[in-house]
Amino acid sequence: FPIVETHPDPETTQDLRLLNPWPEL
């Protein structure tokens, strides 16, 4: 029984990618 929208704590969903930024960042 898969669930996509699990609604975790908002803080855990933030992915800033500071250690491996893409060129635009």
mmCIF file of all heavy atoms, coordinates in Angstrom:
data_MODEL
# 
_entry.id   MODEL 
# 
loop_
_atom_site.group_PDB 
_atom_site.id 
_atom_site.type_symbol 
_atom_site.label_atom_id 
_atom_site.label_alt_id 
_atom_site.label_comp_id 
_atom_site.label_asym_id 
_atom_site.label_entity_id 
_atom_site.label_seq_id 
_atom_site.pdbx_PDB_ins_code 
_atom_site.Cartn_x 
_atom_site.Cartn_y 
_atom_site.Cartn_z 
_atom_site.occupancy 
_atom_site.B_iso_or_equiv 
_atom_site.pdbx_formal_charge 
_atom_site.auth_seq_id 
_atom_site.auth_comp_id 
_atom_site.auth_asym_id 
_atom_site.auth_atom_id 
_atom_site.pdbx_PDB_model_num 
ATOM 1   N N   . PHE A 1 1  ? 0.855  -1.189 0.000   1.00 0.00 ? 1  PHE A N   1 
ATOM 2   C CA  . PHE A 1 1  ? 0.000  0.000  0.000   1.00 0.00 ? 1  PHE A CA  1 
ATOM 3   C C   . PHE A 1 1  ? 0.894  1.244  0.000   1.00 0.00 ? 1  PHE A C   1 
ATOM 4   O O   . PHE A 1 1  ? 1.308  1.726  1.049   1.00 0.00 ? 1  PHE A O   1 
ATOM 5   C CB  . PHE A 1 1  ? -0.907 -0.014 1.239   1.00 0.00 ? 1  PHE A CB  1 
ATOM 6   C CG  . PHE A 1 1  ? -1.996 1.030  1.218   1.00 0.00 ? 1  PHE A CG  1 
ATOM 7   C CD1 . PHE A 1 1  ? -3.108 0.871  0.413   1.00 0.00 ? 1  PHE A CD1 1 
ATOM 8   C CD2 . PHE A 1 1  ? -1.899 2.166  2.008   1.00 0.00 ? 1  PHE A CD2 1 
ATOM 9   C CE1 . PHE A 1 1  ? -4.121 1.817  0.408   1.00 0.00 ? 1  PHE A CE1 1 
ATOM 10  C CE2 . PHE A 1 1  ? -2.899 3.117  2.008   1.00 0.00 ? 1  PHE A CE2 1 
ATOM 11  C CZ  . PHE A 1 1  ? -4.015 2.944  1.211   1.00 0.00 ? 1  PHE A CZ  1 
ATOM 12  N N   . PRO A 1 2  ? 1.238  1.773  -1.196  1.00 0.00 ? 2  PRO A N   1 
ATOM 13  C CA  . PRO A 1 2  ? 2.161  2.912  -1.260  1.00 0.00 ? 2  PRO A CA  1 
ATOM 14  C C   . PRO A 1 2  ? 1.485  4.245  -0.967  1.00 0.00 ? 2  PRO A C   1 
ATOM 15  O O   . PRO A 1 2  ? 0.319  4.449  -1.301  1.00 0.00 ? 2  PRO A O   1 
ATOM 16  C CB  . PRO A 1 2  ? 2.660  2.858  -2.704  1.00 0.00 ? 2  PRO A CB  1 
ATOM 17  C CG  . PRO A 1 2  ? 1.561  2.203  -3.470  1.00 0.00 ? 2  PRO A CG  1 
ATOM 18  C CD  . PRO A 1 2  ? 0.884  1.252  -2.514  1.00 0.00 ? 2  PRO A CD  1 
ATOM 19  N N   . ILE A 1 3  ? 2.232  5.139  -0.331  1.00 0.00 ? 3  ILE A N   1 
ATOM 20  C CA  . ILE A 1 3  ? 1.747  6.490  -0.036  1.00 0.00 ? 3  ILE A CA  1 
ATOM 21  C C   . ILE A 1 3  ? 2.819  7.478  -0.475  1.00 0.00 ? 3  ILE A C   1 
ATOM 22  O O   . ILE A 1 3  ? 3.973  7.374  -0.062  1.00 0.00 ? 3  ILE A O   1 
ATOM 23  C CB  . ILE A 1 3  ? 1.457  6.674  1.463   1.00 0.00 ? 3  ILE A CB  1 
ATOM 24  C CG1 . ILE A 1 3  ? 0.457  5.627  1.949   1.00 0.00 ? 3  ILE A CG1 1 
ATOM 25  C CG2 . ILE A 1 3  ? 0.909  8.072  1.742   1.00 0.00 ? 3  ILE A CG2 1 
ATOM 26  C CD1 . ILE A 1 3  ? 0.324  5.562  3.434   1.00 0.00 ? 3  ILE A CD1 1 
ATOM 27  N N   . VAL A 1 4  ? 2.429  8.429  -1.299  1.00 0.00 ? 4  VAL A N   1 
ATOM 28  C CA  . VAL A 1 4  ? 3.365  9.444  -1.776  1.00 0.00 ? 4  VAL A CA  1 
ATOM 29  C C   . VAL A 1 4  ? 3.371  10.653 -0.854  1.00 0.00 ? 4  VAL A C   1 
ATOM 30  O O   . VAL A 1 4  ? 4.414  11.108 -0.390  1.00 0.00 ? 4  VAL A O   1 
ATOM 31  C CB  . VAL A 1 4  ? 3.019  9.867  -3.223  1.00 0.00 ? 4  VAL A CB  1 
ATOM 32  C CG1 . VAL A 1 4  ? 3.921  11.017 -3.671  1.00 0.00 ? 4  VAL A CG1 1 
ATOM 33  C CG2 . VAL A 1 4  ? 3.152  8.682  -4.167  1.00 0.00 ? 4  VAL A CG2 1 
ATOM 34  N N   . GLU A 1 5  ? 2.187  11.190 -0.562  1.00 0.00 ? 5  GLU A N   1 
ATOM 35  C CA  . GLU A 1 5  ? 2.089  12.410 0.251   1.00 0.00 ? 5  GLU A CA  1 
ATOM 36  C C   . GLU A 1 5  ? 1.969  12.038 1.725   1.00 0.00 ? 5  GLU A C   1 
ATOM 37  O O   . GLU A 1 5  ? 0.885  11.984 2.291   1.00 0.00 ? 5  GLU A O   1 
ATOM 38  C CB  . GLU A 1 5  ? 0.904  13.255 -0.216  1.00 0.00 ? 5  GLU A CB  1 
ATOM 39  C CG  . GLU A 1 5  ? 1.034  13.732 -1.656  1.00 0.00 ? 5  GLU A CG  1 
ATOM 40  C CD  . GLU A 1 5  ? -0.126 14.587 -2.094  1.00 0.00 ? 5  GLU A CD  1 
ATOM 41  O OE1 . GLU A 1 5  ? -0.201 15.773 -1.692  1.00 0.00 ? 5  GLU A OE1 1 
ATOM 42  O OE2 . GLU A 1 5  ? -0.971 14.080 -2.850  1.00 0.00 ? 5  GLU A OE2 1 
ATOM 43  N N   . THR A 1 6  ? 3.117  11.789 2.348   1.00 0.00 ? 6  THR A N   1 
ATOM 44  C CA  . THR A 1 6  ? 3.127  11.379 3.751   1.00 0.00 ? 6  THR A CA  1 
ATOM 45  C C   . THR A 1 6  ? 3.094  12.563 4.713   1.00 0.00 ? 6  THR A C   1 
ATOM 46  O O   . THR A 1 6  ? 2.935  12.374 5.914   1.00 0.00 ? 6  THR A O   1 
ATOM 47  C CB  . THR A 1 6  ? 4.375  10.533 4.043   1.00 0.00 ? 6  THR A CB  1 
ATOM 48  O OG1 . THR A 1 6  ? 5.539  11.264 3.641   1.00 0.00 ? 6  THR A OG1 1 
ATOM 49  C CG2 . THR A 1 6  ? 4.329  9.219  3.274   1.00 0.00 ? 6  THR A CG2 1 
ATOM 50  N N   . HIS A 1 7  ? 3.257  13.783 4.217   1.00 0.00 ? 7  HIS A N   1 
ATOM 51  C CA  . HIS A 1 7  ? 3.220  15.004 5.022   1.00 0.00 ? 7  HIS A CA  1 
ATOM 52  C C   . HIS A 1 7  ? 4.172  14.956 6.221   1.00 0.00 ? 7  HIS A C   1 
ATOM 53  O O   . HIS A 1 7  ? 3.750  15.068 7.375   1.00 0.00 ? 7  HIS A O   1 
ATOM 54  C CB  . HIS A 1 7  ? 1.796  15.279 5.521   1.00 0.00 ? 7  HIS A CB  1 
ATOM 55  C CG  . HIS A 1 7  ? 0.820  15.609 4.425   1.00 0.00 ? 7  HIS A CG  1 
ATOM 56  N ND1 . HIS A 1 7  ? 0.597  16.897 3.998   1.00 0.00 ? 7  HIS A ND1 1 
ATOM 57  C CD2 . HIS A 1 7  ? 0.038  14.821 3.657   1.00 0.00 ? 7  HIS A CD2 1 
ATOM 58  C CE1 . HIS A 1 7  ? -0.307 16.886 3.022   1.00 0.00 ? 7  HIS A CE1 1 
ATOM 59  N NE2 . HIS A 1 7  ? -0.648 15.624 2.791   1.00 0.00 ? 7  HIS A NE2 1 
ATOM 60  N N   . PRO A 1 8  ? 5.460  14.798 5.983   1.00 0.00 ? 8  PRO A N   1 
ATOM 61  C CA  . PRO A 1 8  ? 6.418  14.813 7.095   1.00 0.00 ? 8  PRO A CA  1 
ATOM 62  C C   . PRO A 1 8  ? 6.586  16.223 7.642   1.00 0.00 ? 8  PRO A C   1 
ATOM 63  O O   . PRO A 1 8  ? 6.020  17.192 7.104   1.00 0.00 ? 8  PRO A O   1 
ATOM 64  C CB  . PRO A 1 8  ? 7.710  14.328 6.442   1.00 0.00 ? 8  PRO A CB  1 
ATOM 65  C CG  . PRO A 1 8  ? 7.585  14.777 5.026   1.00 0.00 ? 8  PRO A CG  1 
ATOM 66  C CD  . PRO A 1 8  ? 6.128  14.657 4.682   1.00 0.00 ? 8  PRO A CD  1 
ATOM 67  N N   . ASP A 1 9  ? 7.360  16.361 8.700   1.00 0.00 ? 9  ASP A N   1 
ATOM 68  C CA  . ASP A 1 9  ? 7.686  17.678 9.248   1.00 0.00 ? 9  ASP A CA  1 
ATOM 69  C C   . ASP A 1 9  ? 8.295  18.526 8.135   1.00 0.00 ? 9  ASP A C   1 
ATOM 70  O O   . ASP A 1 9  ? 9.227  18.093 7.457   1.00 0.00 ? 9  ASP A O   1 
ATOM 71  C CB  . ASP A 1 9  ? 8.693  17.510 10.394  1.00 0.00 ? 9  ASP A CB  1 
ATOM 72  C CG  . ASP A 1 9  ? 8.961  18.815 11.135  1.00 0.00 ? 9  ASP A CG  1 
ATOM 73  O OD1 . ASP A 1 9  ? 9.053  19.857 10.463  1.00 0.00 ? 9  ASP A OD1 1 
ATOM 74  O OD2 . ASP A 1 9  ? 9.104  18.786 12.361  1.00 0.00 ? 9  ASP A OD2 1 
ATOM 75  N N   . PRO A 1 10 ? 7.767  19.749 7.918   1.00 0.00 ? 10 PRO A N   1 
ATOM 76  C CA  . PRO A 1 10 ? 8.269  20.600 6.820   1.00 0.00 ? 10 PRO A CA  1 
ATOM 77  C C   . PRO A 1 10 ? 9.781  20.770 6.820   1.00 0.00 ? 10 PRO A C   1 
ATOM 78  O O   . PRO A 1 10 ? 10.402 20.856 5.760   1.00 0.00 ? 10 PRO A O   1 
ATOM 79  C CB  . PRO A 1 10 ? 7.560  21.943 7.055   1.00 0.00 ? 10 PRO A CB  1 
ATOM 80  C CG  . PRO A 1 10 ? 6.299  21.575 7.767   1.00 0.00 ? 10 PRO A CG  1 
ATOM 81  C CD  . PRO A 1 10 ? 6.657  20.404 8.632   1.00 0.00 ? 10 PRO A CD  1 
ATOM 82  N N   . GLU A 1 11 ? 10.393 20.812 8.015   1.00 0.00 ? 11 GLU A N   1 
ATOM 83  C CA  . GLU A 1 11 ? 11.835 21.007 8.069   1.00 0.00 ? 11 GLU A CA  1 
ATOM 84  C C   . GLU A 1 11 ? 12.595 19.846 7.434   1.00 0.00 ? 11 GLU A C   1 
ATOM 85  O O   . GLU A 1 11 ? 13.678 20.024 6.884   1.00 0.00 ? 11 GLU A O   1 
ATOM 86  C CB  . GLU A 1 11 ? 12.296 21.196 9.523   1.00 0.00 ? 11 GLU A CB  1 
ATOM 87  C CG  . GLU A 1 11 ? 11.958 22.563 10.105  1.00 0.00 ? 11 GLU A CG  1 
ATOM 88  C CD  . GLU A 1 11 ? 12.684 22.823 11.410  1.00 0.00 ? 11 GLU A CD  1 
ATOM 89  O OE1 . GLU A 1 11 ? 13.507 21.972 11.801  1.00 0.00 ? 11 GLU A OE1 1 
ATOM 90  O OE2 . GLU A 1 11 ? 12.433 23.869 12.027  1.00 0.00 ? 11 GLU A OE2 1 
ATOM 91  N N   . THR A 1 12 ? 12.013 18.655 7.484   1.00 0.00 ? 12 THR A N   1 
ATOM 92  C CA  . THR A 1 12 ? 12.704 17.492 6.931   1.00 0.00 ? 12 THR A CA  1 
ATOM 93  C C   . THR A 1 12 ? 12.590 17.416 5.417   1.00 0.00 ? 12 THR A C   1 
ATOM 94  O O   . THR A 1 12 ? 13.284 16.620 4.778   1.00 0.00 ? 12 THR A O   1 
ATOM 95  C CB  . THR A 1 12 ? 12.150 16.187 7.536   1.00 0.00 ? 12 THR A CB  1 
ATOM 96  O OG1 . THR A 1 12 ? 10.787 16.013 7.111   1.00 0.00 ? 12 THR A OG1 1 
ATOM 97  C CG2 . THR A 1 12 ? 12.200 16.219 9.050   1.00 0.00 ? 12 THR A CG2 1 
ATOM 98  N N   . THR A 1 13 ? 11.707 18.220 4.829   1.00 0.00 ? 13 THR A N   1 
ATOM 99  C CA  . THR A 1 13 ? 11.526 18.175 3.374   1.00 0.00 ? 13 THR A CA  1 
ATOM 100 C C   . THR A 1 13 ? 12.424 19.167 2.648   1.00 0.00 ? 13 THR A C   1 
ATOM 101 O O   . THR A 1 13 ? 12.495 19.144 1.423   1.00 0.00 ? 13 THR A O   1 
ATOM 102 C CB  . THR A 1 13 ? 10.061 18.481 3.002   1.00 0.00 ? 13 THR A CB  1 
ATOM 103 O OG1 . THR A 1 13 ? 9.738  19.826 3.391   1.00 0.00 ? 13 THR A OG1 1 
ATOM 104 C CG2 . THR A 1 13 ? 9.110  17.520 3.692   1.00 0.00 ? 13 THR A CG2 1 
ATOM 105 N N   . GLN A 1 14 ? 13.089 20.036 3.383   1.00 0.00 ? 14 GLN A N   1 
ATOM 106 C CA  . GLN A 1 14 ? 13.919 21.061 2.740   1.00 0.00 ? 14 GLN A CA  1 
ATOM 107 C C   . GLN A 1 14 ? 15.276 20.481 2.352   1.00 0.00 ? 14 GLN A C   1 
ATOM 108 O O   . GLN A 1 14 ? 15.974 19.905 3.176   1.00 0.00 ? 14 GLN A O   1 
ATOM 109 C CB  . GLN A 1 14 ? 14.083 22.253 3.682   1.00 0.00 ? 14 GLN A CB  1 
ATOM 110 C CG  . GLN A 1 14 ? 12.785 23.014 3.904   1.00 0.00 ? 14 GLN A CG  1 
ATOM 111 C CD  . GLN A 1 14 ? 12.837 23.904 5.123   1.00 0.00 ? 14 GLN A CD  1 
ATOM 112 O OE1 . GLN A 1 14 ? 13.874 24.034 5.761   1.00 0.00 ? 14 GLN A OE1 1 
ATOM 113 N NE2 . GLN A 1 14 ? 11.723 24.535 5.455   1.00 0.00 ? 14 GLN A NE2 1 
ATOM 114 N N   . ASP A 1 15 ? 15.597 20.621 1.092   1.00 0.00 ? 15 ASP A N   1 
ATOM 115 C CA  . ASP A 1 15 ? 16.856 20.124 0.561   1.00 0.00 ? 15 ASP A CA  1 
ATOM 116 C C   . ASP A 1 15 ? 17.558 21.297 -0.121  1.00 0.00 ? 15 ASP A C   1 
ATOM 117 O O   . ASP A 1 15 ? 17.242 21.647 -1.252  1.00 0.00 ? 15 ASP A O   1 
ATOM 118 C CB  . ASP A 1 15 ? 16.581 18.999 -0.437  1.00 0.00 ? 15 ASP A CB  1 
ATOM 119 C CG  . ASP A 1 15 ? 17.863 18.336 -0.926  1.00 0.00 ? 15 ASP A CG  1 
ATOM 120 O OD1 . ASP A 1 15 ? 18.950 18.756 -0.476  1.00 0.00 ? 15 ASP A OD1 1 
ATOM 121 O OD2 . ASP A 1 15 ? 17.768 17.415 -1.744  1.00 0.00 ? 15 ASP A OD2 1 
ATOM 122 N N   . LEU A 1 16 ? 18.517 21.917 0.593   1.00 0.00 ? 16 LEU A N   1 
ATOM 123 C CA  . LEU A 1 16 ? 19.158 23.128 0.082   1.00 0.00 ? 16 LEU A CA  1 
ATOM 124 C C   . LEU A 1 16 ? 20.331 22.822 -0.848  1.00 0.00 ? 16 LEU A C   1 
ATOM 125 O O   . LEU A 1 16 ? 20.782 23.721 -1.569  1.00 0.00 ? 16 LEU A O   1 
ATOM 126 C CB  . LEU A 1 16 ? 19.624 24.001 1.258   1.00 0.00 ? 16 LEU A CB  1 
ATOM 127 C CG  . LEU A 1 16 ? 18.519 24.463 2.211   1.00 0.00 ? 16 LEU A CG  1 
ATOM 128 C CD1 . LEU A 1 16 ? 19.106 25.302 3.339   1.00 0.00 ? 16 LEU A CD1 1 
ATOM 129 C CD2 . LEU A 1 16 ? 17.460 25.257 1.468   1.00 0.00 ? 16 LEU A CD2 1 
ATOM 130 N N   . ARG A 1 17 ? 20.847 21.597 -0.834  1.00 0.00 ? 17 ARG A N   1 
ATOM 131 C CA  . ARG A 1 17 ? 21.939 21.166 -1.709  1.00 0.00 ? 17 ARG A CA  1 
ATOM 132 C C   . ARG A 1 17 ? 23.177 22.064 -1.608  1.00 0.00 ? 17 ARG A C   1 
ATOM 133 O O   . ARG A 1 17 ? 23.799 22.413 -2.614  1.00 0.00 ? 17 ARG A O   1 
ATOM 134 C CB  . ARG A 1 17 ? 21.471 21.118 -3.166  1.00 0.00 ? 17 ARG A CB  1 
ATOM 135 C CG  . ARG A 1 17 ? 20.370 20.141 -3.446  1.00 0.00 ? 17 ARG A CG  1 
ATOM 136 C CD  . ARG A 1 17 ? 20.898 18.717 -3.556  1.00 0.00 ? 17 ARG A CD  1 
ATOM 137 N NE  . ARG A 1 17 ? 19.790 17.780 -3.568  1.00 0.00 ? 17 ARG A NE  1 
ATOM 138 C CZ  . ARG A 1 17 ? 19.138 17.418 -4.677  1.00 0.00 ? 17 ARG A CZ  1 
ATOM 139 N NH1 . ARG A 1 17 ? 19.504 17.899 -5.835  1.00 0.00 ? 17 ARG A NH1 1 
ATOM 140 N NH2 . ARG A 1 17 ? 18.149 16.557 -4.585  1.00 0.00 ? 17 ARG A NH2 1 
ATOM 141 N N   . LEU A 1 18 ? 23.522 22.467 -0.406  1.00 0.00 ? 18 LEU A N   1 
ATOM 142 C CA  . LEU A 1 18 ? 24.658 23.379 -0.228  1.00 0.00 ? 18 LEU A CA  1 
ATOM 143 C C   . LEU A 1 18 ? 25.993 22.679 -0.464  1.00 0.00 ? 18 LEU A C   1 
ATOM 144 O O   . LEU A 1 18 ? 26.975 23.323 -0.849  1.00 0.00 ? 18 LEU A O   1 
ATOM 145 C CB  . LEU A 1 18 ? 24.625 23.985 1.174   1.00 0.00 ? 18 LEU A CB  1 
ATOM 146 C CG  . LEU A 1 18 ? 23.375 24.823 1.501   1.00 0.00 ? 18 LEU A CG  1 
ATOM 147 C CD1 . LEU A 1 18 ? 23.453 25.350 2.923   1.00 0.00 ? 18 LEU A CD1 1 
ATOM 148 C CD2 . LEU A 1 18 ? 23.221 25.974 0.516   1.00 0.00 ? 18 LEU A CD2 1 
ATOM 149 N N   . LEU A 1 19 ? 26.065 21.380 -0.243  1.00 0.00 ? 19 LEU A N   1 
ATOM 150 C CA  . LEU A 1 19 ? 27.331 20.663 -0.426  1.00 0.00 ? 19 LEU A CA  1 
ATOM 151 C C   . LEU A 1 19 ? 27.549 20.221 -1.873  1.00 0.00 ? 19 LEU A C   1 
ATOM 152 O O   . LEU A 1 19 ? 28.671 19.907 -2.265  1.00 0.00 ? 19 LEU A O   1 
ATOM 153 C CB  . LEU A 1 19 ? 27.387 19.447 0.500   1.00 0.00 ? 19 LEU A CB  1 
ATOM 154 C CG  . LEU A 1 19 ? 27.410 19.751 1.999   1.00 0.00 ? 19 LEU A CG  1 
ATOM 155 C CD1 . LEU A 1 19 ? 27.576 18.474 2.801   1.00 0.00 ? 19 LEU A CD1 1 
ATOM 156 C CD2 . LEU A 1 19 ? 28.504 20.748 2.347   1.00 0.00 ? 19 LEU A CD2 1 
ATOM 157 N N   . ASN A 1 20 ? 26.465 20.140 -2.649  1.00 0.00 ? 20 ASN A N   1 
ATOM 158 C CA  . ASN A 1 20 ? 26.613 19.800 -4.071  1.00 0.00 ? 20 ASN A CA  1 
ATOM 159 C C   . ASN A 1 20 ? 25.679 20.677 -4.906  1.00 0.00 ? 20 ASN A C   1 
ATOM 160 O O   . ASN A 1 20 ? 24.726 20.198 -5.508  1.00 0.00 ? 20 ASN A O   1 
ATOM 161 C CB  . ASN A 1 20 ? 26.342 18.313 -4.316  1.00 0.00 ? 20 ASN A CB  1 
ATOM 162 C CG  . ASN A 1 20 ? 25.046 17.848 -3.687  1.00 0.00 ? 20 ASN A CG  1 
ATOM 163 O OD1 . ASN A 1 20 ? 24.418 18.572 -2.918  1.00 0.00 ? 20 ASN A OD1 1 
ATOM 164 N ND2 . ASN A 1 20 ? 24.629 16.642 -4.013  1.00 0.00 ? 20 ASN A ND2 1 
ATOM 165 N N   . PRO A 1 21 ? 25.960 21.994 -4.936  1.00 0.00 ? 21 PRO A N   1 
ATOM 166 C CA  . PRO A 1 21 ? 25.075 22.920 -5.646  1.00 0.00 ? 21 PRO A CA  1 
ATOM 167 C C   . PRO A 1 21 ? 25.165 22.745 -7.163  1.00 0.00 ? 21 PRO A C   1 
ATOM 168 O O   . PRO A 1 21 ? 26.199 22.339 -7.693  1.00 0.00 ? 21 PRO A O   1 
ATOM 169 C CB  . PRO A 1 21 ? 25.609 24.292 -5.216  1.00 0.00 ? 21 PRO A CB  1 
ATOM 170 C CG  . PRO A 1 21 ? 27.049 24.050 -4.898  1.00 0.00 ? 21 PRO A CG  1 
ATOM 171 C CD  . PRO A 1 21 ? 27.111 22.677 -4.320  1.00 0.00 ? 21 PRO A CD  1 
ATOM 172 N N   . TRP A 1 22 ? 24.086 23.007 -7.866  1.00 0.00 ? 22 TRP A N   1 
ATOM 173 C CA  . TRP A 1 22 ? 24.081 23.007 -9.324  1.00 0.00 ? 22 TRP A CA  1 
ATOM 174 C C   . TRP A 1 22 ? 24.601 24.371 -9.805  1.00 0.00 ? 22 TRP A C   1 
ATOM 175 O O   . TRP A 1 22 ? 24.709 25.320 -9.007  1.00 0.00 ? 22 TRP A O   1 
ATOM 176 C CB  . TRP A 1 22 ? 22.681 22.691 -9.849  1.00 0.00 ? 22 TRP A CB  1 
ATOM 177 C CG  . TRP A 1 22 ? 21.604 23.648 -9.406  1.00 0.00 ? 22 TRP A CG  1 
ATOM 178 C CD1 . TRP A 1 22 ? 21.087 24.701 -10.104 1.00 0.00 ? 22 TRP A CD1 1 
ATOM 179 C CD2 . TRP A 1 22 ? 20.898 23.626 -8.148  1.00 0.00 ? 22 TRP A CD2 1 
ATOM 180 N NE1 . TRP A 1 22 ? 20.110 25.338 -9.387  1.00 0.00 ? 22 TRP A NE1 1 
ATOM 181 C CE2 . TRP A 1 22 ? 19.975 24.704 -8.181  1.00 0.00 ? 22 TRP A CE2 1 
ATOM 182 C CE3 . TRP A 1 22 ? 20.960 22.816 -6.998  1.00 0.00 ? 22 TRP A CE3 1 
ATOM 183 C CZ2 . TRP A 1 22 ? 19.120 24.992 -7.114  1.00 0.00 ? 22 TRP A CZ2 1 
ATOM 184 C CZ3 . TRP A 1 22 ? 20.107 23.111 -5.937  1.00 0.00 ? 22 TRP A CZ3 1 
ATOM 185 C CH2 . TRP A 1 22 ? 19.203 24.176 -6.004  1.00 0.00 ? 22 TRP A CH2 1 
ATOM 186 N N   . PRO A 1 23 ? 24.939 24.512 -11.048 1.00 0.00 ? 23 PRO A N   1 
ATOM 187 C CA  . PRO A 1 23 ? 25.597 25.732 -11.529 1.00 0.00 ? 23 PRO A CA  1 
ATOM 188 C C   . PRO A 1 23 ? 24.847 27.026 -11.205 1.00 0.00 ? 23 PRO A C   1 
ATOM 189 O O   . PRO A 1 23 ? 25.466 28.010 -10.819 1.00 0.00 ? 23 PRO A O   1 
ATOM 190 C CB  . PRO A 1 23 ? 25.683 25.508 -13.043 1.00 0.00 ? 23 PRO A CB  1 
ATOM 191 C CG  . PRO A 1 23 ? 25.746 24.026 -13.189 1.00 0.00 ? 23 PRO A CG  1 
ATOM 192 C CD  . PRO A 1 23 ? 24.873 23.477 -12.100 1.00 0.00 ? 23 PRO A CD  1 
ATOM 193 N N   . GLU A 1 24 ? 23.526 27.029 -11.355 1.00 0.00 ? 24 GLU A N   1 
ATOM 194 C CA  . GLU A 1 24 ? 22.769 28.252 -11.095 1.00 0.00 ? 24 GLU A CA  1 
ATOM 195 C C   . GLU A 1 24 ? 22.832 28.661 -9.624  1.00 0.00 ? 24 GLU A C   1 
ATOM 196 O O   . GLU A 1 24 ? 22.880 29.857 -9.311  1.00 0.00 ? 24 GLU A O   1 
ATOM 197 C CB  . GLU A 1 24 ? 21.303 28.072 -11.509 1.00 0.00 ? 24 GLU A CB  1 
ATOM 198 C CG  . GLU A 1 24 ? 21.064 27.946 -12.996 1.00 0.00 ? 24 GLU A CG  1 
ATOM 199 C CD  . GLU A 1 24 ? 21.294 26.545 -13.530 1.00 0.00 ? 24 GLU A CD  1 
ATOM 200 O OE1 . GLU A 1 24 ? 21.701 25.653 -12.732 1.00 0.00 ? 24 GLU A OE1 1 
ATOM 201 O OE2 . GLU A 1 24 ? 21.080 26.334 -14.732 1.00 0.00 ? 24 GLU A OE2 1 
ATOM 202 N N   . LEU A 1 25 ? 22.839 27.664 -8.720  1.00 0.00 ? 25 LEU A N   1 
ATOM 203 C CA  . LEU A 1 25 ? 22.946 27.994 -7.299  1.00 0.00 ? 25 LEU A CA  1 
ATOM 204 C C   . LEU A 1 25 ? 24.351 28.484 -6.977  1.00 0.00 ? 25 LEU A C   1 
ATOM 205 O O   . LEU A 1 25 ? 24.526 29.427 -6.188  1.00 0.00 ? 25 LEU A O   1 
ATOM 206 C CB  . LEU A 1 25 ? 22.596 26.774 -6.444  1.00 0.00 ? 25 LEU A CB  1 
ATOM 207 C CG  . LEU A 1 25 ? 22.610 27.001 -4.922  1.00 0.00 ? 25 LEU A CG  1 
ATOM 208 C CD1 . LEU A 1 25 ? 21.642 28.102 -4.520  1.00 0.00 ? 25 LEU A CD1 1 
ATOM 209 C CD2 . LEU A 1 25 ? 22.284 25.710 -4.174  1.00 0.00 ? 25 LEU A CD2 1 
# 
